[in-house]
Amino acid sequence: MPTRYNGPGLFGRPLHSVLGGGKIADILLWKDKKLSAAFVAGFSMVWFLFEVVEYNLVTLLCHILIALMLILFVWHNAAGLITWRLPNIYDLEIPDYTVRFLHNKFNFFLRKFYDIATGKDLRFFFVTIAGLWIMSTIGNFFSTVNLLYTTFLCLVTLPIMYERYEHEVDYLASKGNQDVKRLFNKLDSTVLNRIPRGPVKEKKLR
């Protein structure tokens, strides 16, 4: 296998822009190592509490809210004794652009799902069905927390590994894509083209 791949990349553009080009991309690609490490530590702590300590979700949320209330109460009433700035309510609010970003991403997912489900691209339709079936099978062997934690670890490790070994991965992906195309063409010629289809009715003009 060649050490470098000179063909088109797997995504056709830099990975940082594929991931959104913002703070999330910086975290996933470890551009901000402190923030990325903080996210890994935080998710690892949540996984430890749920899977090892067997914390209940409602109990954990209540304890977190109790701790935050106590901290804010002490902070607010001791503001005259310490030099720390009293937290402002606007520091705790979710910014409008974050809500708009999530709203746009959710609508994009719905449009993409509709396009795939209606069979506009049959190859992608069957690949998606196979992927979902594989994920459902894998999900039978993991708890929800373990599956989410494993997915998170993949998100913070695979992008940086791809960026480091981009040419090797692109070469393997191109070979795999060629094999999938050959398989789909064979399936198309032997199965799909033999499925009887009714005549297409022309729309009457009023």
C-alpha atoms as a PDB file:
ATOM      1  CA  MET A   1       0.000   0.000   0.000  1.00  0.00           C
ATOM      2  CA  PRO A   2       1.408   3.444  -0.898  1.00  0.00           C
ATOM      3  CA  THR A   3       2.384   5.747   1.917  1.00  0.00           C
ATOM      4  CA  ARG A   4       0.638   8.729   0.309  1.00  0.00           C
ATOM      5  CA  TYR A   5      -2.637   9.012  -1.538  1.00  0.00           C
ATOM      6  CA  ASN A   6      -2.806  11.727  -4.200  1.00  0.00           C
ATOM      7  CA  GLY A   7      -6.467  11.318  -5.146  1.00  0.00           C
ATOM      8  CA  PRO A   8      -9.401  13.327  -3.802  1.00  0.00           C
ATOM      9  CA  GLY A   9      -9.760  13.314  -0.032  1.00  0.00           C
ATOM     10  CA  LEU A  10     -12.427  11.402   1.827  1.00  0.00           C
ATOM     11  CA  PHE A  11     -14.408  14.596   2.525  1.00  0.00           C
ATOM     12  CA  GLY A  12     -13.155  16.799  -0.300  1.00  0.00           C
ATOM     13  CA  ARG A  13     -12.199  19.617   2.068  1.00  0.00           C
ATOM     14  CA  PRO A  14     -10.263  20.124   5.320  1.00  0.00           C
ATOM     15  CA  LEU A  15     -11.605  18.104   8.234  1.00  0.00           C
ATOM     16  CA  HIS A  16     -11.845  21.201  10.431  1.00  0.00           C
ATOM     17  CA  SER A  17     -14.381  22.786   8.056  1.00  0.00           C
ATOM     18  CA  VAL A  18     -16.263  19.475   7.741  1.00  0.00           C
ATOM     19  CA  LEU A  19     -16.770  19.473  11.522  1.00  0.00           C
ATOM     20  CA  GLY A  20     -18.190  22.999  11.416  1.00  0.00           C
ATOM     21  CA  GLY A  21     -15.023  25.046  11.741  1.00  0.00           C
ATOM     22  CA  GLY A  22     -15.981  26.421  15.161  1.00  0.00           C
ATOM     23  CA  LYS A  23     -15.337  25.586  18.787  1.00  0.00           C
ATOM     24  CA  ILE A  24     -16.713  22.049  18.426  1.00  0.00           C
ATOM     25  CA  ALA A  25     -14.216  21.345  15.642  1.00  0.00           C
ATOM     26  CA  ASP A  26     -11.396  22.706  17.820  1.00  0.00           C
ATOM     27  CA  ILE A  27     -12.450  20.358  20.632  1.00  0.00           C
ATOM     28  CA  LEU A  28     -12.764  17.257  18.429  1.00  0.00           C
ATOM     29  CA  LEU A  29      -9.412  17.925  16.731  1.00  0.00           C
ATOM     30  CA  TRP A  30      -7.700  18.858  20.010  1.00  0.00           C
ATOM     31  CA  LYS A  31      -6.788  22.367  18.836  1.00  0.00           C
ATOM     32  CA  ASP A  32      -7.631  23.528  22.361  1.00  0.00           C
ATOM     33  CA  LYS A  33      -6.026  20.747  24.399  1.00  0.00           C
ATOM     34  CA  LYS A  34      -7.187  22.031  27.792  1.00  0.00           C
ATOM     35  CA  LEU A  35     -10.827  22.273  26.752  1.00  0.00           C
ATOM     36  CA  SER A  36     -10.729  18.901  24.976  1.00  0.00           C
ATOM     37  CA  ALA A  37      -9.162  17.261  28.030  1.00  0.00           C
ATOM     38  CA  ALA A  38     -11.819  18.897  30.235  1.00  0.00           C
ATOM     39  CA  PHE A  39     -14.597  17.435  28.077  1.00  0.00           C
ATOM     40  CA  VAL A  40     -13.014  13.980  28.172  1.00  0.00           C
ATOM     41  CA  ALA A  41     -12.617  14.203  31.949  1.00  0.00           C
ATOM     42  CA  GLY A  42     -16.207  15.412  32.385  1.00  0.00           C
ATOM     43  CA  PHE A  43     -17.745  12.668  30.236  1.00  0.00           C
ATOM     44  CA  SER A  44     -15.513  10.089  31.913  1.00  0.00           C
ATOM     45  CA  MET A  45     -16.743  11.244  35.306  1.00  0.00           C
ATOM     46  CA  VAL A  46     -20.370  10.978  34.169  1.00  0.00           C
ATOM     47  CA  TRP A  47     -19.703   7.480  32.806  1.00  0.00           C
ATOM     48  CA  PHE A  48     -18.017   6.505  36.104  1.00  0.00           C
ATOM     49  CA  LEU A  49     -20.958   7.771  38.164  1.00  0.00           C
ATOM     50  CA  PHE A  50     -23.570   5.942  36.084  1.00  0.00           C
ATOM     51  CA  GLU A  51     -21.775   2.682  35.296  1.00  0.00           C
ATOM     52  CA  VAL A  52     -19.450   2.134  38.275  1.00  0.00           C
ATOM     53  CA  VAL A  53     -21.156   3.955  41.149  1.00  0.00           C
ATOM     54  CA  GLU A  54     -24.567   3.194  39.531  1.00  0.00           C
ATOM     55  CA  TYR A  55     -25.959   6.668  40.154  1.00  0.00           C
ATOM     56  CA  ASN A  56     -29.565   7.246  39.133  1.00  0.00           C
ATOM     57  CA  LEU A  57     -30.041  10.054  36.582  1.00  0.00           C
ATOM     58  CA  VAL A  58     -32.700  11.895  38.599  1.00  0.00           C
ATOM     59  CA  THR A  59     -30.645  11.580  41.786  1.00  0.00           C
ATOM     60  CA  LEU A  60     -27.520  12.875  40.052  1.00  0.00           C
ATOM     61  CA  LEU A  61     -29.336  15.873  38.548  1.00  0.00           C
ATOM     62  CA  CYS A  62     -30.884  16.738  41.916  1.00  0.00           C
ATOM     63  CA  HIS A  63     -27.497  16.536  43.685  1.00  0.00           C
ATOM     64  CA  ILE A  64     -25.896  18.718  41.001  1.00  0.00           C
ATOM     65  CA  LEU A  65     -28.650  21.332  41.358  1.00  0.00           C
ATOM     66  CA  ILE A  66     -28.351  21.244  45.180  1.00  0.00           C
ATOM     67  CA  ALA A  67     -24.587  21.792  44.922  1.00  0.00           C
ATOM     68  CA  LEU A  68     -25.044  24.675  42.476  1.00  0.00           C
ATOM     69  CA  MET A  69     -27.678  26.306  44.708  1.00  0.00           C
ATOM     70  CA  LEU A  70     -25.407  26.063  47.753  1.00  0.00           C
ATOM     71  CA  ILE A  71     -22.454  27.497  45.827  1.00  0.00           C
ATOM     72  CA  LEU A  72     -24.506  30.417  44.490  1.00  0.00           C
ATOM     73  CA  PHE A  73     -26.054  31.053  47.917  1.00  0.00           C
ATOM     74  CA  VAL A  74     -22.679  31.202  49.656  1.00  0.00           C
ATOM     75  CA  TRP A  75     -21.152  33.202  46.792  1.00  0.00           C
ATOM     76  CA  HIS A  76     -23.994  35.743  46.790  1.00  0.00           C
ATOM     77  CA  ASN A  77     -24.074  36.267  50.554  1.00  0.00           C
ATOM     78  CA  ALA A  78     -20.285  36.387  50.897  1.00  0.00           C
ATOM     79  CA  ALA A  79     -19.823  38.804  48.003  1.00  0.00           C
ATOM     80  CA  GLY A  80     -18.847  41.605  50.377  1.00  0.00           C
ATOM     81  CA  LEU A  81     -16.195  39.500  52.104  1.00  0.00           C
ATOM     82  CA  ILE A  82     -14.394  38.167  49.031  1.00  0.00           C
ATOM     83  CA  THR A  83     -13.028  39.857  45.921  1.00  0.00           C
ATOM     84  CA  TRP A  84     -14.635  37.464  43.429  1.00  0.00           C
ATOM     85  CA  ARG A  85     -17.149  38.991  41.014  1.00  0.00           C
ATOM     86  CA  LEU A  86     -20.701  37.934  41.685  1.00  0.00           C
ATOM     87  CA  PRO A  87     -21.958  35.784  38.780  1.00  0.00           C
ATOM     88  CA  ASN A  88     -24.478  37.503  36.523  1.00  0.00           C
ATOM     89  CA  ILE A  89     -27.643  35.741  35.406  1.00  0.00           C
ATOM     90  CA  TYR A  90     -26.711  36.520  31.788  1.00  0.00           C
ATOM     91  CA  ASP A  91     -23.549  34.433  32.219  1.00  0.00           C
ATOM     92  CA  LEU A  92     -25.737  31.383  32.834  1.00  0.00           C
ATOM     93  CA  GLU A  93     -28.165  31.848  29.955  1.00  0.00           C
ATOM     94  CA  ILE A  94     -27.876  29.830  26.736  1.00  0.00           C
ATOM     95  CA  PRO A  95     -26.919  32.164  23.850  1.00  0.00           C
ATOM     96  CA  ASP A  96     -29.364  32.646  20.985  1.00  0.00           C
ATOM     97  CA  TYR A  97     -26.837  31.480  18.388  1.00  0.00           C
ATOM     98  CA  THR A  98     -26.488  28.127  20.192  1.00  0.00           C
ATOM     99  CA  VAL A  99     -30.242  27.525  19.987  1.00  0.00           C
ATOM    100  CA  ARG A 100     -30.258  28.573  16.312  1.00  0.00           C
ATOM    101  CA  PHE A 101     -27.319  26.263  15.594  1.00  0.00           C
ATOM    102  CA  LEU A 102     -29.093  23.279  17.173  1.00  0.00           C
ATOM    103  CA  HIS A 103     -32.332  24.215  15.390  1.00  0.00           C
ATOM    104  CA  ASN A 104     -30.596  24.349  11.985  1.00  0.00           C
ATOM    105  CA  LYS A 105     -28.751  21.074  12.598  1.00  0.00           C
ATOM    106  CA  PHE A 106     -31.976  19.307  13.616  1.00  0.00           C
ATOM    107  CA  ASN A 107     -33.814  20.569  10.514  1.00  0.00           C
ATOM    108  CA  PHE A 108     -30.860  19.540   8.336  1.00  0.00           C
ATOM    109  CA  PHE A 109     -31.031  16.044   9.830  1.00  0.00           C
ATOM    110  CA  LEU A 110     -34.778  15.835   9.133  1.00  0.00           C
ATOM    111  CA  ARG A 111     -34.319  16.917   5.498  1.00  0.00           C
ATOM    112  CA  LYS A 112     -31.446  14.476   5.016  1.00  0.00           C
ATOM    113  CA  PHE A 113     -33.424  11.640   6.578  1.00  0.00           C
ATOM    114  CA  TYR A 114     -36.392  12.395   4.299  1.00  0.00           C
ATOM    115  CA  ASP A 115     -34.180  12.422   1.184  1.00  0.00           C
ATOM    116  CA  ILE A 116     -32.612   9.087   2.141  1.00  0.00           C
ATOM    117  CA  ALA A 117     -35.899   7.434   3.143  1.00  0.00           C
ATOM    118  CA  THR A 118     -37.615   8.388  -0.118  1.00  0.00           C
ATOM    119  CA  GLY A 119     -34.890   6.593  -2.087  1.00  0.00           C
ATOM    120  CA  LYS A 120     -33.422   9.511  -4.044  1.00  0.00           C
ATOM    121  CA  ASP A 121     -30.046   7.766  -3.811  1.00  0.00           C
ATOM    122  CA  LEU A 122     -30.577   3.993  -3.672  1.00  0.00           C
ATOM    123  CA  ARG A 123     -26.942   3.258  -2.877  1.00  0.00           C
ATOM    124  CA  PHE A 124     -26.997   5.569   0.141  1.00  0.00           C
ATOM    125  CA  PHE A 125     -30.422   4.192   1.119  1.00  0.00           C
ATOM    126  CA  PHE A 126     -29.137   0.607   1.390  1.00  0.00           C
ATOM    127  CA  VAL A 127     -25.894   1.715   3.074  1.00  0.00           C
ATOM    128  CA  THR A 128     -27.921   3.639   5.684  1.00  0.00           C
ATOM    129  CA  ILE A 129     -30.231   0.668   6.303  1.00  0.00           C
ATOM    130  CA  ALA A 130     -27.203  -1.619   6.741  1.00  0.00           C
ATOM    131  CA  GLY A 131     -25.502   0.872   9.061  1.00  0.00           C
ATOM    132  CA  LEU A 132     -28.590   1.259  11.246  1.00  0.00           C
ATOM    133  CA  TRP A 133     -29.030  -2.510  11.418  1.00  0.00           C
ATOM    134  CA  ILE A 134     -25.383  -2.950  12.470  1.00  0.00           C
ATOM    135  CA  MET A 135     -25.763  -0.222  15.108  1.00  0.00           C
ATOM    136  CA  SER A 136     -28.942  -1.848  16.460  1.00  0.00           C
ATOM    137  CA  THR A 137     -27.129  -5.179  16.711  1.00  0.00           C
ATOM    138  CA  ILE A 138     -24.177  -3.609  18.502  1.00  0.00           C
ATOM    139  CA  GLY A 139     -26.578  -1.785  20.830  1.00  0.00           C
ATOM    140  CA  ASN A 140     -27.829  -5.122  22.160  1.00  0.00           C
ATOM    141  CA  PHE A 141     -24.419  -5.772  23.739  1.00  0.00           C
ATOM    142  CA  PHE A 142     -23.976  -2.364  25.425  1.00  0.00           C
ATOM    143  CA  SER A 143     -25.927  -0.318  27.895  1.00  0.00           C
ATOM    144  CA  THR A 144     -27.053   3.102  26.696  1.00  0.00           C
ATOM    145  CA  VAL A 145     -24.465   4.905  28.812  1.00  0.00           C
ATOM    146  CA  ASN A 146     -21.645   2.680  27.591  1.00  0.00           C
ATOM    147  CA  LEU A 147     -22.746   3.129  23.983  1.00  0.00           C
ATOM    148  CA  LEU A 148     -22.918   6.928  24.337  1.00  0.00           C
ATOM    149  CA  TYR A 149     -19.546   7.024  26.097  1.00  0.00           C
ATOM    150  CA  THR A 150     -17.958   4.828  23.413  1.00  0.00           C
ATOM    151  CA  THR A 151     -19.424   7.099  20.728  1.00  0.00           C
ATOM    152  CA  PHE A 152     -18.003  10.139  22.505  1.00  0.00           C
ATOM    153  CA  LEU A 153     -14.556   8.541  22.711  1.00  0.00           C
ATOM    154  CA  CYS A 154     -14.725   7.815  18.981  1.00  0.00           C
ATOM    155  CA  LEU A 155     -15.645  11.449  18.310  1.00  0.00           C
ATOM    156  CA  VAL A 156     -12.613  12.767  20.214  1.00  0.00           C
ATOM    157  CA  THR A 157     -10.134  10.205  18.860  1.00  0.00           C
ATOM    158  CA  LEU A 158     -11.070   9.275  15.278  1.00  0.00           C
ATOM    159  CA  PRO A 159     -10.963  12.822  13.804  1.00  0.00           C
ATOM    160  CA  ILE A 160      -7.475  13.518  15.163  1.00  0.00           C
ATOM    161  CA  MET A 161      -6.299  10.068  14.043  1.00  0.00           C
ATOM    162  CA  TYR A 162      -7.710  10.715  10.568  1.00  0.00           C
ATOM    163  CA  GLU A 163      -5.982  14.094  10.420  1.00  0.00           C
ATOM    164  CA  ARG A 164      -2.686  12.414  11.313  1.00  0.00           C
ATOM    165  CA  TYR A 165      -3.022   9.476   8.886  1.00  0.00           C
ATOM    166  CA  GLU A 166      -5.183  11.199   6.269  1.00  0.00           C
ATOM    167  CA  HIS A 167      -3.486   9.816   3.132  1.00  0.00           C
ATOM    168  CA  GLU A 168      -3.495   6.192   4.311  1.00  0.00           C
ATOM    169  CA  VAL A 169      -7.170   6.384   5.334  1.00  0.00           C
ATOM    170  CA  ASP A 170      -8.131   8.055   2.043  1.00  0.00           C
ATOM    171  CA  TYR A 171      -6.422   5.257   0.110  1.00  0.00           C
ATOM    172  CA  LEU A 172      -8.275   2.528   2.042  1.00  0.00           C
ATOM    173  CA  ALA A 173     -11.555   4.463   1.729  1.00  0.00           C
ATOM    174  CA  SER A 174     -11.149   4.779  -2.051  1.00  0.00           C
ATOM    175  CA  LYS A 175     -10.515   1.051  -2.366  1.00  0.00           C
ATOM    176  CA  GLY A 176     -13.519   0.255  -0.185  1.00  0.00           C
ATOM    177  CA  ASN A 177     -15.696   2.678  -2.163  1.00  0.00           C
ATOM    178  CA  GLN A 178     -14.732   0.933  -5.405  1.00  0.00           C
ATOM    179  CA  ASP A 179     -15.619  -2.460  -3.909  1.00  0.00           C
ATOM    180  CA  VAL A 180     -18.996  -1.134  -2.710  1.00  0.00           C
ATOM    181  CA  LYS A 181     -19.726   0.338  -6.146  1.00  0.00           C
ATOM    182  CA  ARG A 182     -18.938  -2.984  -7.835  1.00  0.00           C
ATOM    183  CA  LEU A 183     -21.160  -4.820  -5.341  1.00  0.00           C
ATOM    184  CA  PHE A 184     -24.034  -2.369  -5.825  1.00  0.00           C
ATOM    185  CA  ASN A 185     -23.731  -2.497  -9.615  1.00  0.00           C
ATOM    186  CA  LYS A 186     -23.914  -6.283  -9.434  1.00  0.00           C
ATOM    187  CA  LEU A 187     -26.943  -6.068  -7.122  1.00  0.00           C
ATOM    188  CA  ASP A 188     -28.540  -3.499  -9.413  1.00  0.00           C
ATOM    189  CA  SER A 189     -28.095  -5.632 -12.527  1.00  0.00           C
ATOM    190  CA  THR A 190     -29.136  -8.956 -10.970  1.00  0.00           C
ATOM    191  CA  VAL A 191     -31.907  -7.912  -8.571  1.00  0.00           C
ATOM    192  CA  LEU A 192     -33.139  -4.328  -8.747  1.00  0.00           C
ATOM    193  CA  ASN A 193     -33.471  -4.146 -12.536  1.00  0.00           C
ATOM    194  CA  ARG A 194     -35.567  -7.328 -12.515  1.00  0.00           C
ATOM    195  CA  ILE A 195     -38.180  -5.904 -10.155  1.00  0.00           C
ATOM    196  CA  PRO A 196     -41.323  -5.267 -12.234  1.00  0.00           C
ATOM    197  CA  ARG A 197     -42.463  -1.679 -12.263  1.00  0.00           C
ATOM    198  CA  GLY A 198     -45.854  -0.424 -13.325  1.00  0.00           C
ATOM    199  CA  PRO A 199     -46.239   2.017 -16.204  1.00  0.00           C
ATOM    200  CA  VAL A 200     -45.753   5.646 -15.329  1.00  0.00           C
ATOM    201  CA  LYS A 201     -49.002   7.539 -15.756  1.00  0.00           C
ATOM    202  CA  GLU A 202     -48.794  10.920 -17.373  1.00  0.00           C
ATOM    203  CA  LYS A 203     -50.402  13.763 -15.486  1.00  0.00           C
ATOM    204  CA  LYS A 204     -53.442  15.238 -17.173  1.00  0.00           C
ATOM    205  CA  LEU A 205     -53.291  18.926 -17.868  1.00  0.00           C
ATOM    206  CA  ARG A 206     -56.336  20.831 -16.727  1.00  0.00           C
END
